[in-house]
Amino acid sequence: MTSPFAANFTPDDAAVLAGQLWVLADPARLRIIHLLAVRGAMANRDLEGPIGLTQPTISHHVRILREAGLIVSTQDGHCILRELDRAALRKLALAIDPAVRR
């Protein structure tokens, strides 16, 4: 399996992916990513208990994950749900290891 970047892994591609890896280097953000992967879309308030952090801290980490393009937000009535951007995570995984299955 080839990388989505093939032979054109540009400095810009590397910068974006390095930023995403930096974002994932935080234990709380990794736990949020894992919960969203296992449970699907969740509201910030639903992340508080399992992660063990306060609402403001969860919001801070969610904002960083969203700005890095790793999660997306959708409106569900009065609630904002967070979910993984699976395409972005797949692209990140393939850049690291092109043998990862699509």
N, C-alpha and C. Protein backbone atom coordinates (compact mmCIF):
# COMPACT_ATOMS: atom_id res chain seq x y z
N MET A 1 0.85 -1.17 0.00
CA MET A 1 0.00 0.00 0.00
C MET A 1 0.90 1.24 0.00
N THR A 2 0.55 2.20 -0.78
CA THR A 2 1.38 3.40 -0.86
C THR A 2 0.85 4.49 0.04
N SER A 3 1.72 5.39 0.37
CA SER A 3 1.36 6.54 1.20
C SER A 3 0.46 7.47 0.40
N PRO A 4 -0.43 8.22 1.07
CA PRO A 4 -1.26 9.18 0.33
C PRO A 4 -0.39 10.29 -0.26
N PHE A 5 0.85 10.37 0.17
CA PHE A 5 1.75 11.41 -0.30
C PHE A 5 2.66 10.91 -1.43
N ALA A 6 2.72 9.60 -1.62
CA ALA A 6 3.60 8.98 -2.61
C ALA A 6 4.98 9.61 -2.53
N ALA A 7 5.49 10.06 -3.67
CA ALA A 7 6.85 10.63 -3.69
C ALA A 7 6.84 12.10 -3.34
N ASN A 8 5.66 12.72 -3.21
CA ASN A 8 5.61 14.16 -2.95
C ASN A 8 5.29 14.48 -1.51
N PHE A 9 6.04 13.93 -0.59
CA PHE A 9 5.85 14.28 0.82
C PHE A 9 6.58 15.60 1.03
N THR A 10 5.81 16.68 0.94
CA THR A 10 6.38 18.02 0.92
C THR A 10 6.72 18.51 2.33
N PRO A 11 7.52 19.55 2.43
CA PRO A 11 7.76 20.16 3.74
C PRO A 11 6.47 20.63 4.41
N ASP A 12 5.51 21.10 3.63
CA ASP A 12 4.21 21.52 4.20
C ASP A 12 3.46 20.32 4.78
N ASP A 13 3.47 19.18 4.05
CA ASP A 13 2.85 17.96 4.57
C ASP A 13 3.50 17.56 5.88
N ALA A 14 4.82 17.60 5.92
CA ALA A 14 5.56 17.22 7.13
C ALA A 14 5.22 18.16 8.28
N ALA A 15 5.08 19.44 8.00
CA ALA A 15 4.75 20.41 9.06
C ALA A 15 3.37 20.14 9.64
N VAL A 16 2.39 19.87 8.79
CA VAL A 16 1.03 19.58 9.27
C VAL A 16 1.04 18.32 10.11
N LEU A 17 1.69 17.28 9.62
CA LEU A 17 1.70 16.02 10.36
C LEU A 17 2.49 16.13 11.66
N ALA A 18 3.56 16.88 11.66
CA ALA A 18 4.33 17.09 12.89
C ALA A 18 3.48 17.82 13.93
N GLY A 19 2.69 18.79 13.48
CA GLY A 19 1.79 19.49 14.39
C GLY A 19 0.74 18.55 14.98
N GLN A 20 0.21 17.66 14.16
CA GLN A 20 -0.78 16.71 14.65
C GLN A 20 -0.16 15.74 15.65
N LEU A 21 1.06 15.31 15.37
CA LEU A 21 1.75 14.41 16.30
C LEU A 21 2.02 15.12 17.63
N TRP A 22 2.37 16.40 17.56
CA TRP A 22 2.58 17.17 18.79
C TRP A 22 1.29 17.23 19.60
N VAL A 23 0.18 17.45 18.91
CA VAL A 23 -1.12 17.51 19.58
C VAL A 23 -1.43 16.17 20.26
N LEU A 24 -1.11 15.08 19.59
CA LEU A 24 -1.39 13.75 20.14
C LEU A 24 -0.42 13.34 21.24
N ALA A 25 0.64 14.11 21.45
CA ALA A 25 1.63 13.77 22.47
C ALA A 25 1.14 14.06 23.89
N ASP A 26 -0.03 14.61 24.04
CA ASP A 26 -0.59 14.91 25.35
C ASP A 26 -1.48 13.74 25.81
N PRO A 27 -1.26 13.20 27.02
CA PRO A 27 -2.06 12.06 27.48
C PRO A 27 -3.57 12.32 27.50
N ALA A 28 -4.00 13.49 27.90
CA ALA A 28 -5.44 13.77 27.94
C ALA A 28 -6.03 13.76 26.53
N ARG A 29 -5.31 14.33 25.58
CA ARG A 29 -5.82 14.35 24.20
C ARG A 29 -5.83 12.94 23.60
N LEU A 30 -4.84 12.14 23.93
CA LEU A 30 -4.86 10.74 23.46
C LEU A 30 -6.05 10.00 24.04
N ARG A 31 -6.37 10.25 25.30
CA ARG A 31 -7.52 9.60 25.93
C ARG A 31 -8.83 10.07 25.28
N ILE A 32 -8.92 11.34 24.93
CA ILE A 32 -10.11 11.84 24.24
C ILE A 32 -10.25 11.16 22.88
N ILE A 33 -9.16 11.09 22.13
CA ILE A 33 -9.18 10.41 20.83
C ILE A 33 -9.62 8.96 20.99
N HIS A 34 -9.07 8.28 21.99
CA HIS A 34 -9.43 6.88 22.23
C HIS A 34 -10.92 6.74 22.56
N LEU A 35 -11.43 7.58 23.45
CA LEU A 35 -12.86 7.51 23.80
C LEU A 35 -13.75 7.74 22.58
N LEU A 36 -13.40 8.72 21.77
CA LEU A 36 -14.20 8.99 20.57
C LEU A 36 -14.11 7.83 19.59
N ALA A 37 -12.96 7.17 19.52
CA ALA A 37 -12.80 6.02 18.64
C ALA A 37 -13.65 4.84 19.11
N VAL A 38 -13.71 4.65 20.42
CA VAL A 38 -14.44 3.52 20.99
C VAL A 38 -15.94 3.78 21.08
N ARG A 39 -16.31 4.97 21.52
CA ARG A 39 -17.72 5.27 21.80
C ARG A 39 -18.44 6.04 20.70
N GLY A 40 -17.70 6.64 19.78
CA GLY A 40 -18.33 7.46 18.75
C GLY A 40 -18.50 8.88 19.23
N ALA A 41 -19.37 9.63 18.59
CA ALA A 41 -19.55 11.05 18.88
C ALA A 41 -20.00 11.25 20.33
N MET A 42 -19.40 12.28 20.95
CA MET A 42 -19.71 12.59 22.35
C MET A 42 -19.70 14.10 22.55
N ALA A 43 -20.49 14.56 23.53
CA ALA A 43 -20.46 15.96 23.94
C ALA A 43 -19.31 16.13 24.94
N ASN A 44 -18.82 17.36 25.06
CA ASN A 44 -17.75 17.64 26.02
C ASN A 44 -18.10 17.16 27.42
N ARG A 45 -19.34 17.41 27.83
CA ARG A 45 -19.74 17.04 29.20
C ARG A 45 -19.65 15.53 29.41
N ASP A 46 -19.83 14.75 28.35
CA ASP A 46 -19.76 13.30 28.46
C ASP A 46 -18.31 12.81 28.56
N LEU A 47 -17.37 13.67 28.22
CA LEU A 47 -15.96 13.31 28.31
C LEU A 47 -15.40 13.55 29.71
N GLU A 48 -16.04 14.42 30.49
CA GLU A 48 -15.52 14.80 31.81
C GLU A 48 -15.27 13.60 32.72
N GLY A 49 -16.28 12.78 32.94
CA GLY A 49 -16.15 11.64 33.85
C GLY A 49 -15.07 10.65 33.43
N PRO A 50 -15.17 10.13 32.21
CA PRO A 50 -14.17 9.14 31.79
C PRO A 50 -12.73 9.68 31.75
N ILE A 51 -12.57 10.95 31.41
CA ILE A 51 -11.23 11.53 31.32
C ILE A 51 -10.78 12.01 32.70
N GLY A 52 -11.73 12.43 33.54
CA GLY A 52 -11.40 12.88 34.88
C GLY A 52 -10.87 14.31 34.93
N LEU A 53 -11.30 15.12 33.99
CA LEU A 53 -10.89 16.52 33.94
C LEU A 53 -12.12 17.41 33.99
N THR A 54 -11.93 18.66 34.34
CA THR A 54 -13.04 19.61 34.41
C THR A 54 -13.48 20.03 33.01
N GLN A 55 -14.69 20.59 32.95
CA GLN A 55 -15.24 21.07 31.67
C GLN A 55 -14.30 22.06 30.97
N PRO A 56 -13.75 23.07 31.66
CA PRO A 56 -12.87 24.00 30.96
C PRO A 56 -11.61 23.31 30.38
N THR A 57 -11.09 22.34 31.11
CA THR A 57 -9.90 21.64 30.63
C THR A 57 -10.24 20.76 29.43
N ILE A 58 -11.38 20.08 29.49
CA ILE A 58 -11.84 19.27 28.34
C ILE A 58 -12.01 20.18 27.13
N SER A 59 -12.67 21.33 27.31
CA SER A 59 -12.88 22.26 26.20
C SER A 59 -11.56 22.72 25.59
N HIS A 60 -10.58 22.97 26.43
CA HIS A 60 -9.25 23.38 25.95
C HIS A 60 -8.64 22.30 25.06
N HIS A 61 -8.67 21.05 25.51
CA HIS A 61 -8.08 19.95 24.74
C HIS A 61 -8.88 19.68 23.46
N VAL A 62 -10.19 19.77 23.54
CA VAL A 62 -11.03 19.56 22.36
C VAL A 62 -10.75 20.63 21.31
N ARG A 63 -10.57 21.86 21.76
CA ARG A 63 -10.26 22.95 20.82
C ARG A 63 -8.94 22.67 20.09
N ILE A 64 -7.95 22.23 20.81
CA ILE A 64 -6.65 21.92 20.20
C ILE A 64 -6.78 20.78 19.20
N LEU A 65 -7.53 19.74 19.55
CA LEU A 65 -7.74 18.62 18.64
C LEU A 65 -8.50 19.06 17.39
N ARG A 66 -9.49 19.92 17.58
CA ARG A 66 -10.28 20.43 16.44
C ARG A 66 -9.43 21.29 15.53
N GLU A 67 -8.63 22.19 16.12
CA GLU A 67 -7.77 23.07 15.32
C GLU A 67 -6.71 22.28 14.55
N ALA A 68 -6.30 21.13 15.09
CA ALA A 68 -5.33 20.28 14.41
C ALA A 68 -5.98 19.43 13.32
N GLY A 69 -7.31 19.50 13.24
CA GLY A 69 -8.02 18.76 12.20
C GLY A 69 -8.22 17.29 12.52
N LEU A 70 -8.12 16.92 13.79
CA LEU A 70 -8.24 15.51 14.18
C LEU A 70 -9.65 15.14 14.62
N ILE A 71 -10.44 16.14 15.03
CA ILE A 71 -11.84 15.89 15.36
C ILE A 71 -12.70 16.96 14.70
N VAL A 72 -13.96 16.64 14.54
CA VAL A 72 -14.92 17.59 13.97
C VAL A 72 -16.07 17.74 14.96
N SER A 73 -16.79 18.83 14.84
CA SER A 73 -17.93 19.13 15.70
C SER A 73 -19.19 19.20 14.86
N THR A 74 -20.26 18.63 15.39
CA THR A 74 -21.56 18.71 14.73
C THR A 74 -22.61 19.12 15.75
N GLN A 75 -23.57 19.88 15.31
CA GLN A 75 -24.66 20.34 16.18
C GLN A 75 -25.75 19.28 16.21
N ASP A 76 -26.19 18.92 17.42
CA ASP A 76 -27.29 17.98 17.61
C ASP A 76 -28.27 18.63 18.57
N GLY A 77 -29.21 19.38 18.03
CA GLY A 77 -30.13 20.13 18.87
C GLY A 77 -29.36 21.22 19.61
N HIS A 78 -29.40 21.19 20.94
CA HIS A 78 -28.69 22.18 21.74
C HIS A 78 -27.28 21.73 22.10
N CYS A 79 -26.91 20.56 21.66
CA CYS A 79 -25.64 19.95 22.05
C CYS A 79 -24.66 19.92 20.86
N ILE A 80 -23.39 20.14 21.16
CA ILE A 80 -22.35 20.01 20.14
C ILE A 80 -21.63 18.70 20.38
N LEU A 81 -21.65 17.84 19.38
CA LEU A 81 -21.00 16.54 19.48
C LEU A 81 -19.62 16.60 18.83
N ARG A 82 -18.68 15.91 19.44
CA ARG A 82 -17.32 15.80 18.90
C ARG A 82 -17.14 14.38 18.39
N GLU A 83 -16.50 14.28 17.23
CA GLU A 83 -16.19 12.95 16.70
C GLU A 83 -14.88 13.01 15.94
N LEU A 84 -14.29 11.84 15.76
CA LEU A 84 -13.01 11.77 15.06
C LEU A 84 -13.17 12.16 13.61
N ASP A 85 -12.16 12.81 13.08
CA ASP A 85 -12.07 12.98 11.63
C ASP A 85 -11.24 11.80 11.15
N ARG A 86 -11.93 10.73 10.83
CA ARG A 86 -11.26 9.47 10.48
C ARG A 86 -10.35 9.62 9.27
N ALA A 87 -10.72 10.44 8.32
CA ALA A 87 -9.87 10.64 7.14
C ALA A 87 -8.53 11.27 7.54
N ALA A 88 -8.58 12.25 8.44
CA ALA A 88 -7.33 12.90 8.89
C ALA A 88 -6.46 11.91 9.65
N LEU A 89 -7.08 11.09 10.51
CA LEU A 89 -6.31 10.11 11.28
C LEU A 89 -5.75 9.02 10.37
N ARG A 90 -6.50 8.62 9.36
CA ARG A 90 -6.02 7.63 8.40
C ARG A 90 -4.82 8.19 7.63
N LYS A 91 -4.92 9.44 7.22
CA LYS A 91 -3.82 10.07 6.49
C LYS A 91 -2.56 10.14 7.36
N LEU A 92 -2.75 10.47 8.63
CA LEU A 92 -1.64 10.52 9.58
C LEU A 92 -1.01 9.14 9.73
N ALA A 93 -1.84 8.12 9.91
CA ALA A 93 -1.33 6.75 10.06
C ALA A 93 -0.59 6.29 8.80
N LEU A 94 -1.13 6.61 7.64
CA LEU A 94 -0.49 6.20 6.38
C LEU A 94 0.83 6.92 6.14
N ALA A 95 0.93 8.15 6.62
CA ALA A 95 2.19 8.88 6.46
C ALA A 95 3.28 8.23 7.30
N ILE A 96 2.89 7.72 8.46
CA ILE A 96 3.85 7.07 9.34
C ILE A 96 4.19 5.68 8.83
N ASP A 97 3.16 4.94 8.42
CA ASP A 97 3.36 3.57 7.94
C ASP A 97 2.44 3.31 6.75
N PRO A 98 2.99 3.40 5.54
CA PRO A 98 2.16 3.19 4.34
C PRO A 98 1.54 1.81 4.25
N ALA A 99 2.00 0.86 5.05
CA ALA A 99 1.43 -0.49 5.03
C ALA A 99 0.12 -0.59 5.80
N VAL A 100 -0.25 0.47 6.53
CA VAL A 100 -1.51 0.48 7.27
C VAL A 100 -2.65 0.33 6.27
N ARG A 101 -3.60 -0.51 6.61
CA ARG A 101 -4.74 -0.73 5.71
C ARG A 101 -5.63 0.50 5.66
N ARG A 102 -6.14 0.80 4.51
CA ARG A 102 -7.05 1.93 4.33
C ARG A 102 -8.38 1.62 4.87
